[in-house]
């Protein structure tokens, strides 16, 4: 299984319009602070699945040379997680889409003209796709209801993706994530910033510890962090570099000046 972070930005992306902070300046100058909106690519020997389809999907697919997917899973119905699905128009017909009923109802009210093939999923009921097992679990992203995180399991390896969430989520969801080889977690801002809809960096690390994750990567990252090369434990200028969980940050280790910030096009092989 290979995971590619197609977009690691928050709803506005980085650079943010009309912002001249150091992080946005770095992004404008071509640095790794540049972040497109949310999308994760999951690949196995049997196919490709997208987790969320943010507004920058057209460029993300072209950049990675992707012309076909075997399905899309939506975590929730905020525009920065689904609006890019329109890019399949005249590219691929009847794309299979998965999500909880309330999420699919909302999104497909807007995207019905694309005639995707709909699959309603319930929390904690696994389903098979591209030779892997996917399980949605409930998270908390107020005021929206029925937001989902995702567990992916294949060949004895386990990846957990929190989606957009606060730290406090149902016990059953913590149990679903337990012991993941890799946790990809919402971490929108540095520790000094408190939020009600998302986790900051310290809360994201706490989520990793609570779930006993072996390694962790932050995503849904805002321009409120320092520039990526100063803030992140992960830096690579080679888009085809691949990490393994053993090379990633363990949540049991502490780094007061840097965080495990993911970056666009980051690839992880499990």
C-alpha atoms as a PDB file:
ATOM      1  CA  UNK A   1       0.000   0.000   0.000  1.00  0.00           C
ATOM      2  CA  UNK A   2       1.197   3.469  -0.867  1.00  0.00           C
ATOM      3  CA  UNK A   3      -0.232   6.721   0.479  1.00  0.00           C
ATOM      4  CA  UNK A   4       0.279  10.053  -1.302  1.00  0.00           C
ATOM      5  CA  UNK A   5      -0.728  13.327   0.350  1.00  0.00           C
ATOM      6  CA  UNK A   6      -2.043  15.196  -2.678  1.00  0.00           C
ATOM      7  CA  UNK A   7      -3.056  18.220  -0.612  1.00  0.00           C
ATOM      8  CA  UNK A   8      -2.158  19.074   2.993  1.00  0.00           C
ATOM      9  CA  UNK A   9      -3.714  22.534   3.287  1.00  0.00           C
ATOM     10  CA  UNK A  10      -6.709  23.829   5.191  1.00  0.00           C
ATOM     11  CA  UNK A  11      -9.820  25.329   3.559  1.00  0.00           C
ATOM     12  CA  UNK A  12      -8.015  28.440   2.255  1.00  0.00           C
ATOM     13  CA  UNK A  13      -4.809  26.683   1.200  1.00  0.00           C
ATOM     14  CA  UNK A  14      -1.366  28.261   1.435  1.00  0.00           C
ATOM     15  CA  UNK A  15      -0.576  30.880   0.269  1.00  0.00           C
ATOM     16  CA  UNK A  16      -3.726  32.516   1.532  1.00  0.00           C
ATOM     17  CA  UNK A  17      -5.176  35.285  -0.617  1.00  0.00           C
ATOM     18  CA  UNK A  18      -3.976  38.738   0.476  1.00  0.00           C
ATOM     19  CA  UNK A  19      -1.514  37.462   3.102  1.00  0.00           C
ATOM     20  CA  UNK A  20       2.143  38.418   3.368  1.00  0.00           C
ATOM     21  CA  UNK A  21       3.119  36.322   6.409  1.00  0.00           C
ATOM     22  CA  UNK A  22       6.480  34.476   6.205  1.00  0.00           C
ATOM     23  CA  UNK A  23       4.762  31.159   5.460  1.00  0.00           C
ATOM     24  CA  UNK A  24       2.684  32.562   2.611  1.00  0.00           C
ATOM     25  CA  UNK A  25       5.778  34.312   1.213  1.00  0.00           C
ATOM     26  CA  UNK A  26       7.648  30.995   1.279  1.00  0.00           C
ATOM     27  CA  UNK A  27       4.752  29.339  -0.550  1.00  0.00           C
ATOM     28  CA  UNK A  28       4.680  32.103  -3.180  1.00  0.00           C
ATOM     29  CA  UNK A  29       8.409  31.602  -3.717  1.00  0.00           C
ATOM     30  CA  UNK A  30       7.939  27.896  -4.424  1.00  0.00           C
ATOM     31  CA  UNK A  31       8.774  26.553  -0.950  1.00  0.00           C
ATOM     32  CA  UNK A  32       7.169  23.526   0.668  1.00  0.00           C
ATOM     33  CA  UNK A  33       4.841  25.813   2.613  1.00  0.00           C
ATOM     34  CA  UNK A  34       2.652  25.787  -0.514  1.00  0.00           C
ATOM     35  CA  UNK A  35      -0.344  23.609   0.305  1.00  0.00           C
ATOM     36  CA  UNK A  36      -3.270  22.599  -1.887  1.00  0.00           C
ATOM     37  CA  UNK A  37      -6.575  21.549  -0.391  1.00  0.00           C
ATOM     38  CA  UNK A  38      -7.478  18.146   1.044  1.00  0.00           C
ATOM     39  CA  UNK A  39      -6.985  14.942  -0.926  1.00  0.00           C
ATOM     40  CA  UNK A  40      -5.192  11.676  -0.160  1.00  0.00           C
ATOM     41  CA  UNK A  41      -4.429   8.965  -2.700  1.00  0.00           C
ATOM     42  CA  UNK A  42      -4.417   5.321  -1.571  1.00  0.00           C
ATOM     43  CA  UNK A  43      -2.849   2.808  -3.964  1.00  0.00           C
ATOM     44  CA  UNK A  44      -2.569  -0.954  -3.876  1.00  0.00           C
ATOM     45  CA  UNK A  45      -1.663  -3.479  -6.561  1.00  0.00           C
ATOM     46  CA  UNK A  46      -5.395  -3.635  -7.357  1.00  0.00           C
ATOM     47  CA  UNK A  47      -6.236   0.025  -7.794  1.00  0.00           C
ATOM     48  CA  UNK A  48      -6.487   3.609  -6.571  1.00  0.00           C
ATOM     49  CA  UNK A  49      -8.881   5.335  -4.164  1.00  0.00           C
ATOM     50  CA  UNK A  50      -9.159   9.012  -3.274  1.00  0.00           C
ATOM     51  CA  UNK A  51      -9.898  10.103   0.272  1.00  0.00           C
ATOM     52  CA  UNK A  52     -11.656  13.453  -0.259  1.00  0.00           C
ATOM     53  CA  UNK A  53     -11.561  15.527  -3.431  1.00  0.00           C
ATOM     54  CA  UNK A  54     -10.652  19.123  -2.608  1.00  0.00           C
ATOM     55  CA  UNK A  55     -11.011  22.096  -4.992  1.00  0.00           C
ATOM     56  CA  UNK A  56      -7.459  21.669  -6.359  1.00  0.00           C
ATOM     57  CA  UNK A  57      -8.030  18.120  -7.596  1.00  0.00           C
ATOM     58  CA  UNK A  58      -7.514  18.846 -11.294  1.00  0.00           C
ATOM     59  CA  UNK A  59      -3.955  20.023 -10.759  1.00  0.00           C
ATOM     60  CA  UNK A  60      -3.264  17.277  -8.217  1.00  0.00           C
ATOM     61  CA  UNK A  61      -4.301  14.523 -10.643  1.00  0.00           C
ATOM     62  CA  UNK A  62      -2.353  16.027 -13.545  1.00  0.00           C
ATOM     63  CA  UNK A  63       0.734  16.453 -11.388  1.00  0.00           C
ATOM     64  CA  UNK A  64       0.675  12.785 -10.338  1.00  0.00           C
ATOM     65  CA  UNK A  65      -0.275  11.461 -13.784  1.00  0.00           C
ATOM     66  CA  UNK A  66      -3.569   9.962 -12.570  1.00  0.00           C
ATOM     67  CA  UNK A  67      -6.249   9.406 -15.216  1.00  0.00           C
ATOM     68  CA  UNK A  68      -8.554   6.920 -13.459  1.00  0.00           C
ATOM     69  CA  UNK A  69      -9.588   6.039  -9.894  1.00  0.00           C
ATOM     70  CA  UNK A  70     -11.528   3.083  -8.534  1.00  0.00           C
ATOM     71  CA  UNK A  71     -13.449   5.086  -5.970  1.00  0.00           C
ATOM     72  CA  UNK A  72     -13.693   8.202  -3.808  1.00  0.00           C
ATOM     73  CA  UNK A  73     -14.464   8.258  -0.092  1.00  0.00           C
ATOM     74  CA  UNK A  74     -15.733  11.502   1.419  1.00  0.00           C
ATOM     75  CA  UNK A  75     -15.144  12.187   5.100  1.00  0.00           C
ATOM     76  CA  UNK A  76     -17.632  15.075   5.355  1.00  0.00           C
ATOM     77  CA  UNK A  77     -19.516  17.667   3.356  1.00  0.00           C
ATOM     78  CA  UNK A  78     -17.353  20.794   3.625  1.00  0.00           C
ATOM     79  CA  UNK A  79     -16.474  22.192   0.199  1.00  0.00           C
ATOM     80  CA  UNK A  80     -12.713  21.910   0.670  1.00  0.00           C
ATOM     81  CA  UNK A  81     -13.137  18.140   0.874  1.00  0.00           C
ATOM     82  CA  UNK A  82     -15.440  17.466  -2.086  1.00  0.00           C
ATOM     83  CA  UNK A  83     -15.645  20.386  -4.565  1.00  0.00           C
ATOM     84  CA  UNK A  84     -12.879  19.075  -6.849  1.00  0.00           C
ATOM     85  CA  UNK A  85     -14.924  16.004  -7.777  1.00  0.00           C
ATOM     86  CA  UNK A  86     -16.354  18.060 -10.672  1.00  0.00           C
ATOM     87  CA  UNK A  87     -12.995  17.592 -12.414  1.00  0.00           C
ATOM     88  CA  UNK A  88     -14.094  14.081 -13.366  1.00  0.00           C
ATOM     89  CA  UNK A  89     -16.525  15.684 -15.843  1.00  0.00           C
ATOM     90  CA  UNK A  90     -15.680  14.303 -19.314  1.00  0.00           C
ATOM     91  CA  UNK A  91     -12.754  12.385 -17.779  1.00  0.00           C
ATOM     92  CA  UNK A  92     -14.319   9.405 -15.984  1.00  0.00           C
ATOM     93  CA  UNK A  93     -17.977   8.395 -15.849  1.00  0.00           C
ATOM     94  CA  UNK A  94     -19.877   6.930 -12.915  1.00  0.00           C
ATOM     95  CA  UNK A  95     -17.049   7.122 -10.377  1.00  0.00           C
ATOM     96  CA  UNK A  96     -17.921   4.995  -7.301  1.00  0.00           C
ATOM     97  CA  UNK A  97     -18.373   7.240  -4.246  1.00  0.00           C
ATOM     98  CA  UNK A  98     -18.549   6.167  -0.608  1.00  0.00           C
ATOM     99  CA  UNK A  99     -19.609   7.924   2.587  1.00  0.00           C
ATOM    100  CA  UNK A 100     -22.228   8.081   5.292  1.00  0.00           C
ATOM    101  CA  UNK A 101     -25.744   8.858   4.095  1.00  0.00           C
ATOM    102  CA  UNK A 102     -25.968  12.462   5.312  1.00  0.00           C
ATOM    103  CA  UNK A 103     -22.640  13.294   3.646  1.00  0.00           C
ATOM    104  CA  UNK A 104     -23.615  11.710   0.332  1.00  0.00           C
ATOM    105  CA  UNK A 105     -27.042  13.351   0.375  1.00  0.00           C
ATOM    106  CA  UNK A 106     -25.513  16.812   0.728  1.00  0.00           C
ATOM    107  CA  UNK A 107     -22.669  16.407  -1.755  1.00  0.00           C
ATOM    108  CA  UNK A 108     -24.637  14.603  -4.446  1.00  0.00           C
ATOM    109  CA  UNK A 109     -27.346  17.250  -4.345  1.00  0.00           C
ATOM    110  CA  UNK A 110     -24.651  19.431  -5.919  1.00  0.00           C
ATOM    111  CA  UNK A 111     -22.789  16.815  -7.976  1.00  0.00           C
ATOM    112  CA  UNK A 112     -25.701  14.662  -9.166  1.00  0.00           C
ATOM    113  CA  UNK A 113     -25.144  15.666 -12.808  1.00  0.00           C
ATOM    114  CA  UNK A 114     -21.928  13.594 -12.801  1.00  0.00           C
ATOM    115  CA  UNK A 115     -23.993  10.467 -12.038  1.00  0.00           C
ATOM    116  CA  UNK A 116     -21.490   8.791  -9.707  1.00  0.00           C
ATOM    117  CA  UNK A 117     -22.216   5.297  -8.443  1.00  0.00           C
ATOM    118  CA  UNK A 118     -23.314   5.748  -4.839  1.00  0.00           C
ATOM    119  CA  UNK A 119     -22.417   3.460  -1.912  1.00  0.00           C
ATOM    120  CA  UNK A 120     -23.806   4.384   1.507  1.00  0.00           C
ATOM    121  CA  UNK A 121     -21.572   3.287   4.379  1.00  0.00           C
ATOM    122  CA  UNK A 122     -22.274   2.981   8.106  1.00  0.00           C
ATOM    123  CA  UNK A 123     -19.788   3.740  10.855  1.00  0.00           C
ATOM    124  CA  UNK A 124     -17.775   0.714  11.994  1.00  0.00           C
ATOM    125  CA  UNK A 125     -19.003  -1.509   9.138  1.00  0.00           C
ATOM    126  CA  UNK A 126     -15.942  -2.506   7.039  1.00  0.00           C
ATOM    127  CA  UNK A 127     -16.073  -2.703   3.250  1.00  0.00           C
ATOM    128  CA  UNK A 128     -13.623  -4.010   0.658  1.00  0.00           C
ATOM    129  CA  UNK A 129     -12.110  -1.874  -2.076  1.00  0.00           C
ATOM    130  CA  UNK A 130      -8.943  -2.328  -4.202  1.00  0.00           C
ATOM    131  CA  UNK A 131      -7.942  -5.326  -2.100  1.00  0.00           C
ATOM    132  CA  UNK A 132      -7.970  -3.348   1.160  1.00  0.00           C
ATOM    133  CA  UNK A 133     -10.463  -3.055   4.002  1.00  0.00           C
ATOM    134  CA  UNK A 134     -11.878   0.389   4.742  1.00  0.00           C
ATOM    135  CA  UNK A 135     -13.781   1.310   7.901  1.00  0.00           C
ATOM    136  CA  UNK A 136     -15.366   4.675   8.654  1.00  0.00           C
ATOM    137  CA  UNK A 137     -15.593   5.878  12.254  1.00  0.00           C
ATOM    138  CA  UNK A 138     -17.263   8.908  13.814  1.00  0.00           C
ATOM    139  CA  UNK A 139     -15.334  12.078  14.671  1.00  0.00           C
ATOM    140  CA  UNK A 140     -16.366  15.520  15.965  1.00  0.00           C
ATOM    141  CA  UNK A 141     -16.232  18.544  13.656  1.00  0.00           C
ATOM    142  CA  UNK A 142     -18.902  21.005  14.881  1.00  0.00           C
ATOM    143  CA  UNK A 143     -21.401  22.111  13.779  1.00  0.00           C
ATOM    144  CA  UNK A 144     -21.430  19.406  11.134  1.00  0.00           C
ATOM    145  CA  UNK A 145     -22.843  16.001  12.037  1.00  0.00           C
ATOM    146  CA  UNK A 146     -21.768  12.522  10.927  1.00  0.00           C
ATOM    147  CA  UNK A 147     -18.153  13.431  10.079  1.00  0.00           C
ATOM    148  CA  UNK A 148     -15.897  10.464   9.470  1.00  0.00           C
ATOM    149  CA  UNK A 149     -12.371   9.287   9.906  1.00  0.00           C
ATOM    150  CA  UNK A 150     -11.102   6.239   8.033  1.00  0.00           C
ATOM    151  CA  UNK A 151      -9.093   3.131   8.875  1.00  0.00           C
ATOM    152  CA  UNK A 152      -7.421   1.304   5.974  1.00  0.00           C
ATOM    153  CA  UNK A 153      -5.992  -2.198   6.405  1.00  0.00           C
ATOM    154  CA  UNK A 154      -4.067  -4.281   3.895  1.00  0.00           C
ATOM    155  CA  UNK A 155      -1.538  -7.108   4.265  1.00  0.00           C
ATOM    156  CA  UNK A 156      -1.233  -6.642   8.008  1.00  0.00           C
ATOM    157  CA  UNK A 157      -0.630  -2.872   7.778  1.00  0.00           C
ATOM    158  CA  UNK A 158      -2.985  -0.272   9.211  1.00  0.00           C
ATOM    159  CA  UNK A 159      -3.434   3.415   8.390  1.00  0.00           C
ATOM    160  CA  UNK A 160      -5.798   5.708  10.300  1.00  0.00           C
ATOM    161  CA  UNK A 161      -6.932   9.072   8.940  1.00  0.00           C
ATOM    162  CA  UNK A 162      -8.771  11.318  11.398  1.00  0.00           C
ATOM    163  CA  UNK A 163     -10.368  13.675   8.899  1.00  0.00           C
ATOM    164  CA  UNK A 164     -11.331  17.073  10.305  1.00  0.00           C
ATOM    165  CA  UNK A 165     -11.971  16.684  14.018  1.00  0.00           C
ATOM    166  CA  UNK A 166     -11.543  17.822  17.582  1.00  0.00           C
ATOM    167  CA  UNK A 167      -9.567  15.723  20.045  1.00  0.00           C
ATOM    168  CA  UNK A 168     -12.616  14.441  21.909  1.00  0.00           C
ATOM    169  CA  UNK A 169     -14.287  11.714  19.848  1.00  0.00           C
ATOM    170  CA  UNK A 170     -16.267   8.563  20.738  1.00  0.00           C
ATOM    171  CA  UNK A 171     -14.443   5.768  22.536  1.00  0.00           C
ATOM    172  CA  UNK A 172     -15.385   3.372  19.741  1.00  0.00           C
ATOM    173  CA  UNK A 173     -13.504   5.600  17.289  1.00  0.00           C
ATOM    174  CA  UNK A 174     -10.373   5.605  19.449  1.00  0.00           C
ATOM    175  CA  UNK A 175     -10.590   1.827  19.571  1.00  0.00           C
ATOM    176  CA  UNK A 176     -10.926   1.638  15.779  1.00  0.00           C
ATOM    177  CA  UNK A 177      -7.685   3.607  15.317  1.00  0.00           C
ATOM    178  CA  UNK A 178      -5.658   1.760  17.958  1.00  0.00           C
ATOM    179  CA  UNK A 179      -2.192   0.610  16.990  1.00  0.00           C
ATOM    180  CA  UNK A 180      -2.069   2.078  13.487  1.00  0.00           C
ATOM    181  CA  UNK A 181       1.271   1.845  11.705  1.00  0.00           C
ATOM    182  CA  UNK A 182       0.555   5.372  10.474  1.00  0.00           C
ATOM    183  CA  UNK A 183      -1.810   8.050  11.768  1.00  0.00           C
ATOM    184  CA  UNK A 184      -2.589  10.952   9.423  1.00  0.00           C
ATOM    185  CA  UNK A 185      -4.187  13.584  11.607  1.00  0.00           C
ATOM    186  CA  UNK A 186      -5.807  16.983  11.439  1.00  0.00           C
ATOM    187  CA  UNK A 187      -3.454  19.569  13.001  1.00  0.00           C
ATOM    188  CA  UNK A 188      -4.493  22.928  11.642  1.00  0.00           C
ATOM    189  CA  UNK A 189      -2.464  25.231  13.894  1.00  0.00           C
ATOM    190  CA  UNK A 190       0.481  25.467  16.328  1.00  0.00           C
ATOM    191  CA  UNK A 191      -0.070  24.596  20.015  1.00  0.00           C
ATOM    192  CA  UNK A 192      -0.641  28.158  21.208  1.00  0.00           C
ATOM    193  CA  UNK A 193      -3.807  28.462  19.092  1.00  0.00           C
ATOM    194  CA  UNK A 194      -6.974  26.898  20.494  1.00  0.00           C
ATOM    195  CA  UNK A 195      -9.825  25.843  18.229  1.00  0.00           C
ATOM    196  CA  UNK A 196     -13.279  24.333  18.543  1.00  0.00           C
ATOM    197  CA  UNK A 197     -13.528  22.572  15.155  1.00  0.00           C
ATOM    198  CA  UNK A 198     -10.010  21.204  14.678  1.00  0.00           C
ATOM    199  CA  UNK A 199      -6.955  20.040  16.622  1.00  0.00           C
ATOM    200  CA  UNK A 200      -3.801  22.045  17.116  1.00  0.00           C
ATOM    201  CA  UNK A 201      -0.356  20.430  17.040  1.00  0.00           C
ATOM    202  CA  UNK A 202      -0.300  19.364  20.681  1.00  0.00           C
ATOM    203  CA  UNK A 203      -3.799  17.910  20.508  1.00  0.00           C
ATOM    204  CA  UNK A 204      -2.871  16.005  17.356  1.00  0.00           C
ATOM    205  CA  UNK A 205       0.111  14.454  19.128  1.00  0.00           C
ATOM    206  CA  UNK A 206      -2.152  13.587  22.040  1.00  0.00           C
ATOM    207  CA  UNK A 207      -4.506  11.846  19.614  1.00  0.00           C
ATOM    208  CA  UNK A 208      -1.550   9.831  18.323  1.00  0.00           C
ATOM    209  CA  UNK A 209      -0.600   8.841  21.874  1.00  0.00           C
ATOM    210  CA  UNK A 210      -4.158   7.909  22.857  1.00  0.00           C
ATOM    211  CA  UNK A 211      -4.441   5.630  19.844  1.00  0.00           C
ATOM    212  CA  UNK A 212      -0.943   4.167  20.290  1.00  0.00           C
ATOM    213  CA  UNK A 213       0.023   5.075  16.733  1.00  0.00           C
ATOM    214  CA  UNK A 214       3.480   3.932  15.663  1.00  0.00           C
ATOM    215  CA  UNK A 215       4.058   7.015  13.484  1.00  0.00           C
ATOM    216  CA  UNK A 216       2.253  10.273  12.744  1.00  0.00           C
ATOM    217  CA  UNK A 217       1.903  12.856   9.988  1.00  0.00           C
ATOM    218  CA  UNK A 218       0.004  16.145  10.304  1.00  0.00           C
ATOM    219  CA  UNK A 219      -2.270  17.437   7.557  1.00  0.00           C
ATOM    220  CA  UNK A 220      -4.997  20.084   7.036  1.00  0.00           C
ATOM    221  CA  UNK A 221      -2.261  22.590   7.889  1.00  0.00           C
ATOM    222  CA  UNK A 222      -2.792  26.365   7.899  1.00  0.00           C
ATOM    223  CA  UNK A 223      -0.417  29.251   7.205  1.00  0.00           C
ATOM    224  CA  UNK A 224      -0.315  29.920  10.969  1.00  0.00           C
ATOM    225  CA  UNK A 225       2.695  27.605  11.323  1.00  0.00           C
ATOM    226  CA  UNK A 226       6.171  28.956  10.548  1.00  0.00           C
ATOM    227  CA  UNK A 227       7.504  28.181   7.044  1.00  0.00           C
ATOM    228  CA  UNK A 228       7.687  24.445   6.393  1.00  0.00           C
ATOM    229  CA  UNK A 229      11.490  24.098   6.349  1.00  0.00           C
ATOM    230  CA  UNK A 230      11.632  25.676   9.812  1.00  0.00           C
ATOM    231  CA  UNK A 231       8.559  24.015  11.311  1.00  0.00           C
ATOM    232  CA  UNK A 232       8.539  20.456   9.975  1.00  0.00           C
ATOM    233  CA  UNK A 233      10.402  17.282  10.833  1.00  0.00           C
ATOM    234  CA  UNK A 234       9.757  16.147   7.243  1.00  0.00           C
ATOM    235  CA  UNK A 235      11.531  17.879   4.371  1.00  0.00           C
ATOM    236  CA  UNK A 236      12.171  16.555   0.879  1.00  0.00           C
ATOM    237  CA  UNK A 237      12.554  18.321  -2.447  1.00  0.00           C
ATOM    238  CA  UNK A 238      12.198  15.068  -4.411  1.00  0.00           C
ATOM    239  CA  UNK A 239       8.535  14.297  -5.250  1.00  0.00           C
ATOM    240  CA  UNK A 240       9.225  10.569  -5.691  1.00  0.00           C
ATOM    241  CA  UNK A 241      10.901  10.053  -2.321  1.00  0.00           C
ATOM    242  CA  UNK A 242       9.053   7.472  -0.241  1.00  0.00           C
ATOM    243  CA  UNK A 243       8.936   7.232   3.533  1.00  0.00           C
ATOM    244  CA  UNK A 244       8.298   4.076   5.494  1.00  0.00           C
ATOM    245  CA  UNK A 245       6.684   4.155   8.951  1.00  0.00           C
ATOM    246  CA  UNK A 246      10.072   3.399  10.491  1.00  0.00           C
ATOM    247  CA  UNK A 247      11.433   6.670   9.070  1.00  0.00           C
ATOM    248  CA  UNK A 248       8.521   8.740  10.346  1.00  0.00           C
ATOM    249  CA  UNK A 249       8.085  10.555  13.651  1.00  0.00           C
ATOM    250  CA  UNK A 250       7.007   8.514  16.657  1.00  0.00           C
ATOM    251  CA  UNK A 251       4.438  10.357  18.808  1.00  0.00           C
ATOM    252  CA  UNK A 252       6.320   9.147  21.878  1.00  0.00           C
ATOM    253  CA  UNK A 253       9.213  11.462  20.962  1.00  0.00           C
ATOM    254  CA  UNK A 254       9.030  15.179  21.642  1.00  0.00           C
ATOM    255  CA  UNK A 255      10.369  18.025  19.540  1.00  0.00           C
ATOM    256  CA  UNK A 256       9.595  21.451  20.969  1.00  0.00           C
ATOM    257  CA  UNK A 257      10.595  23.413  17.871  1.00  0.00           C
ATOM    258  CA  UNK A 258       9.371  21.210  15.025  1.00  0.00           C
ATOM    259  CA  UNK A 259       6.301  19.125  14.250  1.00  0.00           C
ATOM    260  CA  UNK A 260       5.599  16.176  11.914  1.00  0.00           C
ATOM    261  CA  UNK A 261       4.006  18.385   9.254  1.00  0.00           C
ATOM    262  CA  UNK A 262       3.212  16.578   6.041  1.00  0.00           C
ATOM    263  CA  UNK A 263       3.724  18.267   2.694  1.00  0.00           C
ATOM    264  CA  UNK A 264       2.066  18.061  -0.712  1.00  0.00           C
ATOM    265  CA  UNK A 265       3.141  15.008  -2.742  1.00  0.00           C
ATOM    266  CA  UNK A 266       4.580  13.280   0.350  1.00  0.00           C
ATOM    267  CA  UNK A 267       4.566   9.509  -0.229  1.00  0.00           C
ATOM    268  CA  UNK A 268       4.538   6.707   2.331  1.00  0.00           C
ATOM    269  CA  UNK A 269       5.034   3.024   1.508  1.00  0.00           C
ATOM    270  CA  UNK A 270       3.622   0.401   3.883  1.00  0.00           C
END
